[in-house]
Amino acid sequence: MKQIETKDYQDMSRKAANIVFAQIIRKGNSILGLATGSTMLGLYEELVKMNQKGDLDFSRVSSVNLDEYLGLPAINPQSYRYYMNHNLFNHINIPLENTYLPDGTAVNPDEECRKYDERIHNMGGIDLQLLGLGLDGHIGFNEPGEVFTRETHCVTLDDSTIKANARFFENEDEVPKQAITMGIGCIMQARQVLLCVNGKAKASILKEVLYGPITPKVPGSILQLHPNLVVVADKEALFGL
């Protein structure tokens, strides 16, 4: 594990973006595993700047996202497809046909999960996987449980996750209760994992993830076993480590 401490959120975003930059420079047709949420906004802003300045070319890059809410169409402003288009894809030169998210409106969600894993396998796997960290230790929407679920799967969101995501909706009742998420197995097979964490609210769970027991009750703890994990976190998130 490589750990990079940053002074604040903006510094974290820049340093994380530089790692993505280096990946694409090394391999122009990189497969990026992407994430959503407020943690990633600054990073995506940095990537957009790099692209618009002509320093970074996404024309041969493909992407697969971690997750999508069940029941939300792509045009819904709260869907993760909308988030990705609005915050990244519409501002860079990545072909939209090379960007993939689970289909939250699939008639057969279990079949959609199977097809998503198959797609990632056929693409050759993920070169660099971005991850944020939930307050309960979830990565993607892999919530605390009794086992690590390997494959892409449908999940019922924990109350804590619903409450945390309620700020993006009119009220908590509007937050979808289920989602499709990439499984732990696919995340762990990525050739590099970049975990971005900021803020003092994440300090205790980050300590559990990086140095506590490896347990599905703290899903992110499995990352201790990844051979190429890079953690970029600000001072507040790393407090006490």
Protein backbone atom coordinates (compact mmCIF):
# COMPACT_ATOMS: atom_id res chain seq x y z
CA MET A 1 0.00 0.00 0.00
CA LYS A 2 1.15 3.50 -0.86
CA GLN A 3 -0.28 6.30 1.27
CA ILE A 4 -0.25 9.93 0.12
CA GLU A 5 -1.22 12.62 2.62
CA THR A 6 -2.61 15.89 1.27
CA LYS A 7 -3.23 19.18 2.98
CA ASP A 8 -6.90 19.52 1.96
CA TYR A 9 -9.61 18.36 -0.44
CA GLN A 10 -8.30 20.39 -3.38
CA ASP A 11 -4.81 19.01 -2.91
CA MET A 12 -6.24 15.48 -2.69
CA SER A 13 -8.15 16.04 -5.93
CA ARG A 14 -5.03 17.27 -7.75
CA LYS A 15 -2.81 14.45 -6.56
CA ALA A 16 -5.42 11.80 -7.37
CA ALA A 17 -5.94 13.33 -10.83
CA ASN A 18 -2.19 13.17 -11.43
CA ILE A 19 -2.29 9.41 -10.81
CA VAL A 20 -5.09 9.01 -13.35
CA PHE A 21 -3.12 11.24 -15.73
CA ALA A 22 -0.06 9.01 -15.39
CA GLN A 23 -2.13 5.90 -16.08
CA ILE A 24 -3.52 7.31 -19.33
CA ILE A 25 -0.13 8.60 -20.45
CA ARG A 26 1.33 5.11 -19.89
CA LYS A 27 -1.56 3.39 -21.67
CA GLY A 28 -3.68 5.48 -23.99
CA ASN A 29 -6.43 2.87 -24.21
CA SER A 30 -6.75 2.43 -20.46
CA ILE A 31 -9.85 0.91 -18.89
CA LEU A 32 -10.82 3.16 -16.00
CA GLY A 33 -13.12 2.07 -13.19
CA LEU A 34 -14.96 5.21 -12.12
CA ALA A 35 -16.88 6.25 -9.03
CA THR A 36 -19.44 8.92 -8.15
CA GLY A 37 -20.17 10.97 -5.07
CA SER A 38 -18.91 14.28 -3.74
CA THR A 39 -15.39 12.96 -3.13
CA MET A 40 -14.80 12.57 -6.87
CA LEU A 41 -16.02 15.99 -8.00
CA GLY A 42 -12.71 17.78 -7.52
CA LEU A 43 -10.79 14.98 -9.20
CA TYR A 44 -13.07 15.10 -12.23
CA GLU A 45 -12.72 18.88 -12.40
CA GLU A 46 -8.94 18.43 -12.56
CA LEU A 47 -9.21 15.84 -15.34
CA VAL A 48 -11.48 18.15 -17.33
CA LYS A 49 -8.91 20.95 -17.02
CA MET A 50 -6.13 18.64 -18.20
CA ASN A 51 -8.17 17.55 -21.20
CA GLN A 52 -9.30 21.02 -22.18
CA LYS A 53 -5.72 22.32 -21.97
CA GLY A 54 -4.68 19.58 -24.37
CA ASP A 55 -2.52 17.76 -21.82
CA LEU A 56 -4.65 14.60 -21.59
CA ASP A 57 -6.37 12.65 -24.36
CA PHE A 58 -9.37 10.45 -23.53
CA SER A 59 -10.17 9.47 -27.13
CA ARG A 60 -9.01 5.86 -26.66
CA VAL A 61 -10.04 5.48 -23.01
CA SER A 62 -12.97 3.29 -21.91
CA SER A 63 -14.68 3.39 -18.54
CA VAL A 64 -16.87 1.23 -16.35
CA ASN A 65 -18.64 2.64 -13.31
CA LEU A 66 -19.00 0.99 -9.95
CA ASP A 67 -22.74 1.25 -9.55
CA GLU A 68 -26.14 2.65 -10.44
CA TYR A 69 -29.41 3.07 -8.59
CA LEU A 70 -32.14 0.60 -9.49
CA GLY A 71 -35.19 2.27 -11.01
CA LEU A 72 -33.58 5.52 -12.14
CA PRO A 73 -33.34 6.17 -15.90
CA ALA A 74 -30.18 7.78 -17.29
CA ILE A 75 -31.98 11.12 -17.76
CA ASN A 76 -32.87 11.38 -14.07
CA PRO A 77 -30.59 14.04 -12.52
CA GLN A 78 -29.97 11.74 -9.53
CA SER A 79 -28.83 8.79 -11.64
CA TYR A 80 -25.13 8.05 -11.77
CA ARG A 81 -25.16 8.13 -15.56
CA TYR A 82 -26.40 11.70 -15.34
CA TYR A 83 -23.72 12.49 -12.73
CA MET A 84 -20.96 11.10 -14.94
CA ASN A 85 -22.16 12.88 -18.06
CA HIS A 86 -22.65 16.18 -16.23
CA ASN A 87 -19.39 16.14 -14.25
CA LEU A 88 -16.97 14.44 -16.63
CA PHE A 89 -17.99 12.80 -19.91
CA ASN A 90 -19.67 15.82 -21.51
CA HIS A 91 -16.54 17.93 -20.94
CA ILE A 92 -13.81 15.63 -22.26
CA ASN A 93 -13.15 13.84 -25.55
CA ILE A 94 -14.08 10.34 -24.39
CA PRO A 95 -16.50 8.60 -26.80
CA LEU A 96 -19.77 8.15 -24.89
CA GLU A 97 -20.16 4.71 -26.45
CA ASN A 98 -17.01 3.70 -24.53
CA THR A 99 -18.50 4.63 -21.14
CA TYR A 100 -20.46 1.97 -19.30
CA LEU A 101 -22.65 1.92 -16.23
CA PRO A 102 -25.09 -0.74 -15.05
CA ASP A 103 -28.59 -0.18 -16.44
CA GLY A 104 -30.75 0.79 -13.50
CA THR A 105 -33.91 0.27 -15.54
CA ALA A 106 -33.08 -3.27 -16.71
CA VAL A 107 -36.14 -5.54 -16.78
CA ASN A 108 -34.01 -8.36 -15.39
CA PRO A 109 -31.48 -6.82 -12.97
CA ASP A 110 -29.76 -10.15 -12.25
CA GLU A 111 -29.13 -10.66 -15.95
CA GLU A 112 -27.84 -7.10 -16.18
CA CYS A 113 -25.36 -7.93 -13.40
CA ARG A 114 -24.14 -11.00 -15.28
CA LYS A 115 -23.74 -9.02 -18.50
CA TYR A 116 -21.83 -6.28 -16.69
CA ASP A 117 -19.26 -8.73 -15.35
CA GLU A 118 -19.00 -10.29 -18.80
CA ARG A 119 -18.42 -6.88 -20.38
CA ILE A 120 -15.60 -6.03 -17.97
CA HIS A 121 -14.01 -9.43 -18.58
CA ASN A 122 -14.23 -9.02 -22.35
CA MET A 123 -12.65 -5.56 -22.10
CA GLY A 124 -9.62 -7.12 -20.46
CA GLY A 125 -10.27 -5.97 -16.91
CA ILE A 126 -9.80 -2.64 -15.18
CA ASP A 127 -6.44 -0.87 -15.26
CA LEU A 128 -7.19 1.72 -12.58
CA GLN A 129 -10.17 1.61 -10.23
CA LEU A 130 -11.25 4.78 -8.41
CA LEU A 131 -12.91 4.32 -5.04
CA GLY A 132 -14.47 6.52 -2.43
CA LEU A 133 -15.30 5.26 1.05
CA GLY A 134 -18.66 5.16 2.81
CA LEU A 135 -19.05 6.01 6.47
CA ASP A 136 -19.86 2.34 7.12
CA GLY A 137 -16.83 1.18 5.14
CA HIS A 138 -18.66 0.36 1.92
CA ILE A 139 -16.90 0.53 -1.44
CA GLY A 140 -19.14 0.86 -4.46
CA PHE A 141 -22.44 -0.17 -2.93
CA ASN A 142 -20.93 -3.26 -1.29
CA GLU A 143 -22.54 -2.81 2.10
CA PRO A 144 -21.48 -4.44 5.39
CA GLY A 145 -22.60 -8.07 5.57
CA GLU A 146 -21.64 -11.63 6.38
CA VAL A 147 -19.67 -12.37 3.19
CA PHE A 148 -17.77 -10.55 0.46
CA THR A 149 -19.85 -10.77 -2.70
CA ARG A 150 -17.57 -11.40 -5.64
CA GLU A 151 -19.79 -10.67 -8.64
CA THR A 152 -21.75 -7.61 -9.72
CA HIS A 153 -25.04 -7.88 -7.84
CA CYS A 154 -28.19 -6.11 -6.69
CA VAL A 155 -28.04 -4.76 -3.18
CA THR A 156 -30.45 -3.24 -0.67
CA LEU A 157 -28.85 -0.09 0.67
CA ASP A 158 -28.14 0.32 4.36
CA ASP A 159 -30.07 2.99 6.24
CA SER A 160 -26.81 4.88 6.84
CA THR A 161 -26.11 4.96 3.09
CA ILE A 162 -29.63 6.17 2.34
CA LYS A 163 -29.30 8.92 4.93
CA ALA A 164 -25.89 9.95 3.55
CA ASN A 165 -27.24 10.13 0.00
CA ALA A 166 -30.44 11.94 0.97
CA ARG A 167 -28.68 15.31 0.55
CA PHE A 168 -28.80 14.78 -3.21
CA PHE A 169 -32.60 14.30 -3.23
CA GLU A 170 -35.64 16.36 -2.25
CA ASN A 171 -36.05 14.18 0.83
CA GLU A 172 -34.92 10.83 2.20
CA ASP A 173 -38.02 9.03 0.93
CA GLU A 174 -36.93 9.71 -2.66
CA VAL A 175 -33.57 7.94 -2.29
CA PRO A 176 -33.72 4.58 -4.12
CA LYS A 177 -33.47 1.68 -1.71
CA GLN A 178 -31.66 -0.66 -4.11
CA ALA A 179 -28.77 -0.47 -6.53
CA ILE A 180 -26.59 -2.54 -8.84
CA THR A 181 -22.97 -2.59 -7.73
CA MET A 182 -19.75 -4.02 -9.03
CA GLY A 183 -18.68 -6.86 -6.76
CA ILE A 184 -15.64 -7.09 -4.52
CA GLY A 185 -14.02 -9.62 -6.87
CA CYS A 186 -14.01 -7.28 -9.85
CA ILE A 187 -12.70 -4.39 -7.76
CA MET A 188 -9.88 -6.54 -6.39
CA GLN A 189 -8.93 -7.71 -9.88
CA ALA A 190 -8.22 -4.14 -11.01
CA ARG A 191 -4.51 -3.74 -11.69
CA GLN A 192 -4.39 -0.62 -9.50
CA VAL A 193 -6.85 0.75 -6.95
CA LEU A 194 -6.92 4.46 -6.06
CA LEU A 195 -8.82 5.14 -2.83
CA CYS A 196 -9.67 8.80 -2.22
CA VAL A 197 -10.84 9.90 1.24
CA ASN A 198 -11.29 13.33 2.81
CA GLY A 199 -12.66 14.87 5.96
CA LYS A 200 -12.52 14.09 9.67
CA ALA A 201 -15.84 12.21 9.48
CA LYS A 202 -14.02 9.45 7.58
CA ALA A 203 -10.99 9.19 9.88
CA SER A 204 -12.22 6.37 12.12
CA ILE A 205 -13.56 4.21 9.28
CA LEU A 206 -10.42 4.76 7.19
CA LYS A 207 -8.35 3.48 10.10
CA GLU A 208 -10.56 0.37 10.28
CA VAL A 209 -10.30 -0.17 6.53
CA LEU A 210 -6.53 0.11 6.38
CA TYR A 211 -5.44 -1.38 9.70
CA GLY A 212 -8.38 -3.25 11.23
CA PRO A 213 -9.43 -6.88 10.75
CA ILE A 214 -10.30 -7.92 7.20
CA THR A 215 -14.02 -8.56 7.45
CA PRO A 216 -17.13 -8.19 5.27
CA LYS A 217 -18.60 -6.16 8.11
CA VAL A 218 -16.15 -3.46 6.90
CA PRO A 219 -16.15 -4.13 3.14
CA GLY A 220 -13.28 -1.77 2.35
CA SER A 221 -10.97 -3.75 4.62
CA ILE A 222 -10.49 -6.25 1.77
CA LEU A 223 -8.31 -3.60 0.11
CA GLN A 224 -5.52 -4.50 2.54
CA LEU A 225 -4.99 -7.55 0.32
CA HIS A 226 -4.70 -5.60 -2.93
CA PRO A 227 -1.12 -5.67 -4.29
CA ASN A 228 -1.29 -2.16 -5.79
CA LEU A 229 -3.41 0.05 -3.54
CA VAL A 230 -2.80 3.81 -3.47
CA VAL A 231 -4.57 5.84 -0.79
CA VAL A 232 -4.80 9.60 -1.31
CA ALA A 233 -6.33 11.29 1.72
CA ASP A 234 -6.23 14.66 3.43
CA LYS A 235 -4.82 15.30 6.88
CA GLU A 236 -8.22 15.19 8.54
CA ALA A 237 -9.04 11.75 7.14
CA LEU A 238 -5.60 10.46 8.12
CA PHE A 239 -5.76 11.87 11.65
CA GLY A 240 -4.68 9.19 14.11
CA LEU A 241 -2.99 6.93 11.55
